[in-house]
Amino acid sequence: MKIRNYQSTDILAIRRLFKRTVLQINAADYTPQQLTAWIGPDNEQVAAAWQKSLAAHTALVAVQADQIVGFADMSASGYLDRLYVDADCQRQGIATTLVAELESQVDCERYTTAASITARPFFESRGYQVVQAQCVVRAGIQMTNYLMAKPG
């Protein structure tokens, strides 16, 4: 596996990976309606918004056999915005490697993230602690996630 910086040409591959991962991995903890709301619309506006956000952050992709198998991004303030690993590549250390690399590149006093129910144990194993449970509303659908933090 190789970690490299995100490139704008990666957007379609990471959007596909995001959708597939949410639908397959997070289905254990969220309802079909919640998953649909989480994924949101798939159009050029959404892709452009992701592109802008990823360009503003430190964004990395994990590549294996010339395929993107994971991606993550972090703001300069230490907020881990997105972390997704392909459904077929879970539990191979990809997320751990991506987060460790982001934390080594972004120097701050505190790292934070809004972790899904599914991702909470992963973040706890990396030293993040729950600050508070949150109720997020997307497309009129409520879902739970956790504001988590750890010292930088």
N, C-alpha and C. Protein backbone atom coordinates (compact mmCIF):
# COMPACT_ATOMS: atom_id res chain seq x y z
N MET A 1 0.85 -1.19 0.00
CA MET A 1 0.00 0.00 0.00
C MET A 1 0.88 1.24 0.00
N LYS A 2 0.45 2.22 -0.74
CA LYS A 2 1.17 3.48 -0.84
C LYS A 2 0.22 4.61 -0.43
N ILE A 3 0.73 5.55 0.34
CA ILE A 3 -0.04 6.75 0.70
C ILE A 3 0.50 7.91 -0.13
N ARG A 4 -0.39 8.64 -0.75
CA ARG A 4 0.03 9.82 -1.52
C ARG A 4 -0.96 10.94 -1.30
N ASN A 5 -0.58 12.14 -1.73
CA ASN A 5 -1.47 13.28 -1.64
C ASN A 5 -2.64 13.11 -2.60
N TYR A 6 -3.79 13.59 -2.17
CA TYR A 6 -4.99 13.62 -3.01
C TYR A 6 -4.72 14.48 -4.24
N GLN A 7 -5.26 14.04 -5.38
CA GLN A 7 -5.20 14.82 -6.62
C GLN A 7 -6.63 15.02 -7.10
N SER A 8 -6.89 16.13 -7.76
CA SER A 8 -8.26 16.43 -8.20
C SER A 8 -8.84 15.34 -9.09
N THR A 9 -7.99 14.61 -9.80
CA THR A 9 -8.47 13.52 -10.66
C THR A 9 -8.97 12.31 -9.87
N ASP A 10 -8.76 12.31 -8.55
CA ASP A 10 -9.22 11.21 -7.68
C ASP A 10 -10.69 11.32 -7.29
N ILE A 11 -11.34 12.44 -7.58
CA ILE A 11 -12.65 12.73 -7.01
C ILE A 11 -13.69 11.66 -7.33
N LEU A 12 -13.77 11.20 -8.55
CA LEU A 12 -14.79 10.20 -8.89
C LEU A 12 -14.55 8.89 -8.16
N ALA A 13 -13.30 8.46 -8.08
CA ALA A 13 -12.97 7.21 -7.39
C ALA A 13 -13.28 7.30 -5.90
N ILE A 14 -12.98 8.43 -5.29
CA ILE A 14 -13.24 8.51 -3.84
C ILE A 14 -14.72 8.69 -3.54
N ARG A 15 -15.45 9.33 -4.43
CA ARG A 15 -16.90 9.44 -4.23
C ARG A 15 -17.55 8.05 -4.33
N ARG A 16 -17.09 7.23 -5.29
CA ARG A 16 -17.61 5.86 -5.41
C ARG A 16 -17.25 5.04 -4.16
N LEU A 17 -16.01 5.16 -3.72
CA LEU A 17 -15.55 4.44 -2.52
C LEU A 17 -16.39 4.87 -1.31
N PHE A 18 -16.61 6.16 -1.14
CA PHE A 18 -17.43 6.70 -0.05
C PHE A 18 -18.82 6.06 -0.04
N LYS A 19 -19.50 6.09 -1.18
CA LYS A 19 -20.86 5.54 -1.26
C LYS A 19 -20.89 4.05 -0.91
N ARG A 20 -19.99 3.32 -1.53
CA ARG A 20 -19.96 1.87 -1.32
C ARG A 20 -19.66 1.54 0.14
N THR A 21 -18.72 2.23 0.72
CA THR A 21 -18.35 1.96 2.11
C THR A 21 -19.49 2.26 3.06
N VAL A 22 -20.12 3.42 2.89
CA VAL A 22 -21.25 3.77 3.75
C VAL A 22 -22.34 2.72 3.65
N LEU A 23 -22.71 2.35 2.42
CA LEU A 23 -23.80 1.40 2.22
C LEU A 23 -23.49 0.01 2.76
N GLN A 24 -22.24 -0.42 2.68
CA GLN A 24 -21.89 -1.78 3.10
C GLN A 24 -21.43 -1.85 4.55
N ILE A 25 -20.60 -0.94 4.98
CA ILE A 25 -20.00 -1.03 6.31
C ILE A 25 -20.88 -0.40 7.38
N ASN A 26 -21.46 0.76 7.09
CA ASN A 26 -22.24 1.46 8.10
C ASN A 26 -23.68 0.94 8.23
N ALA A 27 -24.06 0.02 7.35
CA ALA A 27 -25.41 -0.54 7.39
C ALA A 27 -25.68 -1.29 8.69
N ALA A 28 -24.65 -1.72 9.38
CA ALA A 28 -24.84 -2.43 10.65
C ALA A 28 -25.34 -1.49 11.76
N ASP A 29 -25.07 -0.19 11.60
CA ASP A 29 -25.38 0.76 12.67
C ASP A 29 -26.40 1.83 12.31
N TYR A 30 -26.78 1.91 11.04
CA TYR A 30 -27.71 2.95 10.58
C TYR A 30 -28.79 2.33 9.70
N THR A 31 -29.96 2.95 9.68
CA THR A 31 -31.08 2.47 8.88
C THR A 31 -30.85 2.80 7.39
N PRO A 32 -31.57 2.13 6.50
CA PRO A 32 -31.45 2.47 5.07
C PRO A 32 -31.74 3.96 4.79
N GLN A 33 -32.71 4.53 5.48
CA GLN A 33 -33.03 5.95 5.29
C GLN A 33 -31.86 6.83 5.75
N GLN A 34 -31.24 6.47 6.86
CA GLN A 34 -30.09 7.23 7.34
C GLN A 34 -28.91 7.12 6.37
N LEU A 35 -28.69 5.94 5.83
CA LEU A 35 -27.60 5.74 4.87
C LEU A 35 -27.81 6.58 3.62
N THR A 36 -29.04 6.61 3.12
CA THR A 36 -29.36 7.41 1.94
C THR A 36 -29.13 8.89 2.21
N ALA A 37 -29.55 9.36 3.38
CA ALA A 37 -29.34 10.77 3.74
C ALA A 37 -27.86 11.07 3.89
N TRP A 38 -27.11 10.15 4.48
CA TRP A 38 -25.67 10.32 4.67
C TRP A 38 -24.96 10.47 3.32
N ILE A 39 -25.29 9.61 2.39
CA ILE A 39 -24.65 9.67 1.07
C ILE A 39 -25.02 10.96 0.35
N GLY A 40 -26.27 11.36 0.47
CA GLY A 40 -26.70 12.59 -0.17
C GLY A 40 -26.76 12.46 -1.67
N PRO A 41 -27.02 13.56 -2.34
CA PRO A 41 -27.11 13.52 -3.80
C PRO A 41 -25.73 13.31 -4.42
N ASP A 42 -25.73 12.75 -5.60
CA ASP A 42 -24.47 12.53 -6.32
C ASP A 42 -24.54 13.33 -7.61
N ASN A 43 -24.06 14.56 -7.54
CA ASN A 43 -24.11 15.42 -8.71
C ASN A 43 -22.85 16.28 -8.78
N GLU A 44 -22.76 17.10 -9.81
CA GLU A 44 -21.56 17.92 -10.00
C GLU A 44 -21.37 18.94 -8.89
N GLN A 45 -22.47 19.46 -8.34
CA GLN A 45 -22.36 20.43 -7.25
C GLN A 45 -21.70 19.81 -6.02
N VAL A 46 -22.13 18.59 -5.68
CA VAL A 46 -21.56 17.89 -4.52
C VAL A 46 -20.10 17.58 -4.78
N ALA A 47 -19.80 17.09 -5.97
CA ALA A 47 -18.41 16.78 -6.31
C ALA A 47 -17.54 18.04 -6.24
N ALA A 48 -18.07 19.15 -6.70
CA ALA A 48 -17.31 20.42 -6.65
C ALA A 48 -17.09 20.86 -5.21
N ALA A 49 -18.09 20.69 -4.35
CA ALA A 49 -17.95 21.06 -2.94
C ALA A 49 -16.89 20.17 -2.27
N TRP A 50 -16.92 18.87 -2.56
CA TRP A 50 -15.90 17.97 -2.02
C TRP A 50 -14.52 18.39 -2.52
N GLN A 51 -14.42 18.68 -3.82
CA GLN A 51 -13.15 19.07 -4.42
C GLN A 51 -12.57 20.30 -3.71
N LYS A 52 -13.42 21.28 -3.46
CA LYS A 52 -12.98 22.51 -2.78
C LYS A 52 -12.52 22.20 -1.35
N SER A 53 -13.29 21.40 -0.63
CA SER A 53 -12.96 21.03 0.74
C SER A 53 -11.65 20.23 0.80
N LEU A 54 -11.51 19.24 -0.07
CA LEU A 54 -10.30 18.42 -0.08
C LEU A 54 -9.07 19.24 -0.43
N ALA A 55 -9.22 20.20 -1.35
CA ALA A 55 -8.10 21.06 -1.74
C ALA A 55 -7.68 21.98 -0.59
N ALA A 56 -8.63 22.34 0.27
CA ALA A 56 -8.33 23.23 1.40
C ALA A 56 -7.70 22.49 2.58
N HIS A 57 -7.80 21.18 2.60
CA HIS A 57 -7.30 20.36 3.70
C HIS A 57 -6.03 19.61 3.28
N THR A 58 -5.39 19.00 4.26
CA THR A 58 -4.39 17.99 3.96
C THR A 58 -5.17 16.73 3.65
N ALA A 59 -5.08 16.27 2.41
CA ALA A 59 -5.89 15.14 1.97
C ALA A 59 -4.98 14.07 1.38
N LEU A 60 -5.21 12.83 1.82
CA LEU A 60 -4.38 11.70 1.41
C LEU A 60 -5.24 10.58 0.86
N VAL A 61 -4.66 9.79 -0.03
CA VAL A 61 -5.30 8.59 -0.51
C VAL A 61 -4.36 7.41 -0.32
N ALA A 62 -4.96 6.25 -0.09
CA ALA A 62 -4.20 5.00 0.00
C ALA A 62 -4.43 4.25 -1.30
N VAL A 63 -3.34 3.79 -1.91
CA VAL A 63 -3.42 3.12 -3.20
C VAL A 63 -2.81 1.73 -3.07
N GLN A 64 -3.52 0.77 -3.62
CA GLN A 64 -3.08 -0.62 -3.61
C GLN A 64 -3.37 -1.20 -5.00
N ALA A 65 -2.39 -1.76 -5.66
CA ALA A 65 -2.57 -2.32 -7.01
C ALA A 65 -3.24 -1.30 -7.94
N ASP A 66 -2.76 -0.07 -7.90
CA ASP A 66 -3.26 1.02 -8.74
C ASP A 66 -4.72 1.40 -8.51
N GLN A 67 -5.28 0.97 -7.38
CA GLN A 67 -6.67 1.32 -7.03
C GLN A 67 -6.67 2.11 -5.72
N ILE A 68 -7.51 3.13 -5.64
CA ILE A 68 -7.66 3.87 -4.38
C ILE A 68 -8.49 2.99 -3.45
N VAL A 69 -7.92 2.68 -2.29
CA VAL A 69 -8.59 1.80 -1.32
C VAL A 69 -8.97 2.55 -0.04
N GLY A 70 -8.59 3.82 0.05
CA GLY A 70 -8.95 4.62 1.22
C GLY A 70 -8.58 6.07 0.99
N PHE A 71 -9.20 6.94 1.77
CA PHE A 71 -8.85 8.36 1.72
C PHE A 71 -9.23 9.01 3.04
N ALA A 72 -8.57 10.12 3.32
CA ALA A 72 -8.84 10.87 4.55
C ALA A 72 -8.38 12.30 4.34
N ASP A 73 -9.00 13.21 5.09
CA ASP A 73 -8.55 14.61 5.02
C ASP A 73 -8.73 15.28 6.37
N MET A 74 -7.85 16.26 6.62
CA MET A 74 -7.83 16.97 7.90
C MET A 74 -7.59 18.46 7.65
N SER A 75 -8.33 19.29 8.37
CA SER A 75 -8.14 20.73 8.27
C SER A 75 -6.88 21.15 9.03
N ALA A 76 -6.44 22.36 8.81
CA ALA A 76 -5.25 22.88 9.49
C ALA A 76 -5.46 22.98 10.99
N SER A 77 -6.72 23.03 11.43
CA SER A 77 -7.01 23.10 12.87
C SER A 77 -7.06 21.73 13.54
N GLY A 78 -6.86 20.65 12.73
CA GLY A 78 -6.83 19.31 13.30
C GLY A 78 -8.16 18.57 13.26
N TYR A 79 -9.13 19.08 12.49
CA TYR A 79 -10.41 18.39 12.37
C TYR A 79 -10.30 17.35 11.26
N LEU A 80 -10.45 16.08 11.63
CA LEU A 80 -10.45 14.98 10.66
C LEU A 80 -11.84 14.91 10.05
N ASP A 81 -11.95 15.38 8.82
CA ASP A 81 -13.25 15.54 8.18
C ASP A 81 -13.78 14.22 7.64
N ARG A 82 -12.99 13.54 6.83
CA ARG A 82 -13.42 12.29 6.20
C ARG A 82 -12.35 11.23 6.38
N LEU A 83 -12.80 9.99 6.60
CA LEU A 83 -11.92 8.83 6.66
C LEU A 83 -12.74 7.63 6.19
N TYR A 84 -12.42 7.13 5.02
CA TYR A 84 -13.16 6.00 4.46
C TYR A 84 -12.18 5.01 3.84
N VAL A 85 -12.44 3.73 4.09
CA VAL A 85 -11.65 2.65 3.52
C VAL A 85 -12.61 1.73 2.78
N ASP A 86 -12.22 1.30 1.59
CA ASP A 86 -13.05 0.43 0.78
C ASP A 86 -13.59 -0.74 1.59
N ALA A 87 -14.83 -1.08 1.32
CA ALA A 87 -15.50 -2.16 2.07
C ALA A 87 -14.72 -3.48 2.02
N ASP A 88 -14.03 -3.74 0.92
CA ASP A 88 -13.27 -4.99 0.78
C ASP A 88 -11.88 -4.91 1.41
N CYS A 89 -11.51 -3.77 1.93
CA CYS A 89 -10.15 -3.58 2.46
C CYS A 89 -10.14 -3.20 3.94
N GLN A 90 -11.24 -3.46 4.63
CA GLN A 90 -11.33 -3.13 6.05
C GLN A 90 -10.37 -4.01 6.87
N ARG A 91 -9.94 -3.49 8.00
CA ARG A 91 -9.12 -4.21 8.97
C ARG A 91 -7.77 -4.66 8.41
N GLN A 92 -7.20 -3.81 7.54
CA GLN A 92 -5.87 -4.08 6.99
C GLN A 92 -4.87 -3.01 7.39
N GLY A 93 -5.27 -2.10 8.29
CA GLY A 93 -4.37 -1.05 8.75
C GLY A 93 -4.38 0.20 7.88
N ILE A 94 -5.25 0.26 6.89
CA ILE A 94 -5.29 1.40 5.98
C ILE A 94 -5.74 2.67 6.71
N ALA A 95 -6.83 2.59 7.46
CA ALA A 95 -7.32 3.76 8.20
C ALA A 95 -6.29 4.21 9.23
N THR A 96 -5.68 3.26 9.92
CA THR A 96 -4.65 3.59 10.92
C THR A 96 -3.50 4.34 10.26
N THR A 97 -3.06 3.86 9.11
CA THR A 97 -1.96 4.50 8.40
C THR A 97 -2.34 5.90 7.94
N LEU A 98 -3.54 6.05 7.38
CA LEU A 98 -4.00 7.37 6.92
C LEU A 98 -4.07 8.37 8.07
N VAL A 99 -4.66 7.96 9.20
CA VAL A 99 -4.80 8.87 10.34
C VAL A 99 -3.42 9.22 10.92
N ALA A 100 -2.56 8.24 11.05
CA ALA A 100 -1.21 8.51 11.59
C ALA A 100 -0.46 9.49 10.69
N GLU A 101 -0.60 9.33 9.40
CA GLU A 101 0.09 10.22 8.47
C GLU A 101 -0.48 11.64 8.55
N LEU A 102 -1.81 11.76 8.62
CA LEU A 102 -2.42 13.08 8.76
C LEU A 102 -1.97 13.75 10.06
N GLU A 103 -1.98 12.99 11.16
CA GLU A 103 -1.57 13.56 12.45
C GLU A 103 -0.10 13.97 12.44
N SER A 104 0.73 13.29 11.65
CA SER A 104 2.14 13.68 11.58
C SER A 104 2.33 14.92 10.70
N GLN A 105 1.42 15.14 9.76
CA GLN A 105 1.54 16.30 8.86
C GLN A 105 0.86 17.56 9.38
N VAL A 106 -0.17 17.39 10.21
CA VAL A 106 -0.93 18.53 10.73
C VAL A 106 -0.59 18.67 12.21
N ASP A 107 0.18 19.69 12.53
CA ASP A 107 0.63 19.92 13.90
C ASP A 107 -0.37 20.84 14.61
N CYS A 108 -1.03 20.32 15.64
CA CYS A 108 -1.98 21.13 16.39
C CYS A 108 -2.08 20.60 17.82
N GLU A 109 -2.73 21.38 18.67
CA GLU A 109 -2.85 21.00 20.08
C GLU A 109 -3.88 19.92 20.32
N ARG A 110 -4.87 19.82 19.42
CA ARG A 110 -5.97 18.88 19.63
C ARG A 110 -6.52 18.43 18.29
N TYR A 111 -6.70 17.12 18.15
CA TYR A 111 -7.33 16.57 16.96
C TYR A 111 -8.78 16.25 17.30
N THR A 112 -9.69 16.53 16.36
CA THR A 112 -11.10 16.25 16.58
C THR A 112 -11.69 15.57 15.34
N THR A 113 -12.80 14.90 15.55
CA THR A 113 -13.55 14.31 14.45
C THR A 113 -14.99 14.09 14.90
N ALA A 114 -15.87 13.94 13.93
CA ALA A 114 -17.25 13.53 14.20
C ALA A 114 -17.34 12.09 13.71
N ALA A 115 -17.22 11.16 14.62
CA ALA A 115 -17.15 9.74 14.29
C ALA A 115 -18.53 9.10 14.26
N SER A 116 -18.74 8.26 13.28
CA SER A 116 -19.98 7.49 13.21
C SER A 116 -20.01 6.46 14.34
N ILE A 117 -21.17 5.88 14.56
CA ILE A 117 -21.28 4.79 15.53
C ILE A 117 -20.29 3.68 15.14
N THR A 118 -20.20 3.42 13.85
CA THR A 118 -19.33 2.37 13.32
C THR A 118 -17.86 2.68 13.59
N ALA A 119 -17.46 3.93 13.41
CA ALA A 119 -16.05 4.31 13.53
C ALA A 119 -15.60 4.60 14.96
N ARG A 120 -16.54 4.78 15.86
CA ARG A 120 -16.17 5.15 17.24
C ARG A 120 -15.12 4.21 17.86
N PRO A 121 -15.28 2.88 17.78
CA PRO A 121 -14.26 2.01 18.39
C PRO A 121 -12.86 2.19 17.77
N PHE A 122 -12.81 2.44 16.46
CA PHE A 122 -11.53 2.69 15.81
C PHE A 122 -10.86 3.91 16.42
N PHE A 123 -11.60 5.00 16.55
CA PHE A 123 -11.01 6.22 17.09
C PHE A 123 -10.63 6.06 18.56
N GLU A 124 -11.45 5.36 19.31
CA GLU A 124 -11.09 5.10 20.71
C GLU A 124 -9.78 4.33 20.80
N SER A 125 -9.56 3.40 19.89
CA SER A 125 -8.31 2.63 19.90
C SER A 125 -7.11 3.50 19.53
N ARG A 126 -7.34 4.65 18.92
CA ARG A 126 -6.27 5.58 18.56
C ARG A 126 -6.13 6.71 19.59
N GLY A 127 -6.80 6.60 20.73
CA GLY A 127 -6.65 7.59 21.79
C GLY A 127 -7.64 8.71 21.79
N TYR A 128 -8.60 8.69 20.88
CA TYR A 128 -9.66 9.71 20.87
C TYR A 128 -10.68 9.36 21.95
N GLN A 129 -11.25 10.39 22.56
CA GLN A 129 -12.29 10.19 23.56
C GLN A 129 -13.55 10.94 23.13
N VAL A 130 -14.69 10.38 23.50
CA VAL A 130 -15.96 11.02 23.18
C VAL A 130 -16.10 12.29 24.00
N VAL A 131 -16.33 13.40 23.31
CA VAL A 131 -16.63 14.67 23.97
C VAL A 131 -18.13 14.75 24.21
N GLN A 132 -18.89 14.36 23.17
CA GLN A 132 -20.34 14.32 23.30
C GLN A 132 -20.97 13.57 22.13
N ALA A 133 -22.10 12.95 22.41
CA ALA A 133 -22.91 12.37 21.34
C ALA A 133 -23.63 13.52 20.65
N GLN A 134 -23.82 13.39 19.35
CA GLN A 134 -24.47 14.45 18.58
C GLN A 134 -25.60 13.86 17.75
N CYS A 135 -26.64 14.63 17.57
CA CYS A 135 -27.72 14.26 16.66
C CYS A 135 -27.57 15.14 15.42
N VAL A 136 -27.24 14.52 14.31
CA VAL A 136 -27.04 15.23 13.05
C VAL A 136 -28.28 15.02 12.20
N VAL A 137 -28.72 16.06 11.52
CA VAL A 137 -29.88 15.95 10.64
C VAL A 137 -29.42 16.20 9.21
N ARG A 138 -29.66 15.21 8.36
CA ARG A 138 -29.35 15.35 6.93
C ARG A 138 -30.59 14.97 6.15
N ALA A 139 -30.97 15.85 5.25
CA ALA A 139 -32.17 15.62 4.42
C ALA A 139 -33.38 15.28 5.29
N GLY A 140 -33.45 15.91 6.47
CA GLY A 140 -34.58 15.70 7.37
C GLY A 140 -34.51 14.42 8.18
N ILE A 141 -33.44 13.67 8.06
CA ILE A 141 -33.27 12.40 8.77
C ILE A 141 -32.24 12.58 9.88
N GLN A 142 -32.61 12.14 11.10
CA GLN A 142 -31.70 12.23 12.24
C GLN A 142 -30.79 11.01 12.31
N MET A 143 -29.53 11.26 12.69
CA MET A 143 -28.60 10.16 12.94
C MET A 143 -27.61 10.58 14.01
N THR A 144 -27.07 9.59 14.68
CA THR A 144 -26.13 9.84 15.77
C THR A 144 -24.70 9.74 15.29
N ASN A 145 -23.86 10.67 15.76
CA ASN A 145 -22.43 10.50 15.66
C ASN A 145 -21.81 11.06 16.94
N TYR A 146 -20.49 11.01 17.03
CA TYR A 146 -19.81 11.41 18.26
C TYR A 146 -18.71 12.40 17.97
N LEU A 147 -18.77 13.55 18.64
CA LEU A 147 -17.64 14.46 18.60
C LEU A 147 -16.56 13.83 19.48
N MET A 148 -15.40 13.58 18.87
CA MET A 148 -14.30 12.93 19.59
C MET A 148 -13.05 13.78 19.47
N ALA A 149 -12.18 13.67 20.47
CA ALA A 149 -10.96 14.48 20.47
C ALA A 149 -9.83 13.75 21.14
N LYS A 150 -8.61 14.17 20.77
CA LYS A 150 -7.42 13.67 21.46
C LYS A 150 -6.37 14.77 21.40
N PRO A 151 -5.47 14.82 22.39
CA PRO A 151 -4.41 15.82 22.37
C PRO A 151 -3.49 15.63 21.18
N GLY A 152 -2.99 16.76 20.67
CA GLY A 152 -2.05 16.71 19.54
C GLY A 152 -0.65 16.45 19.98
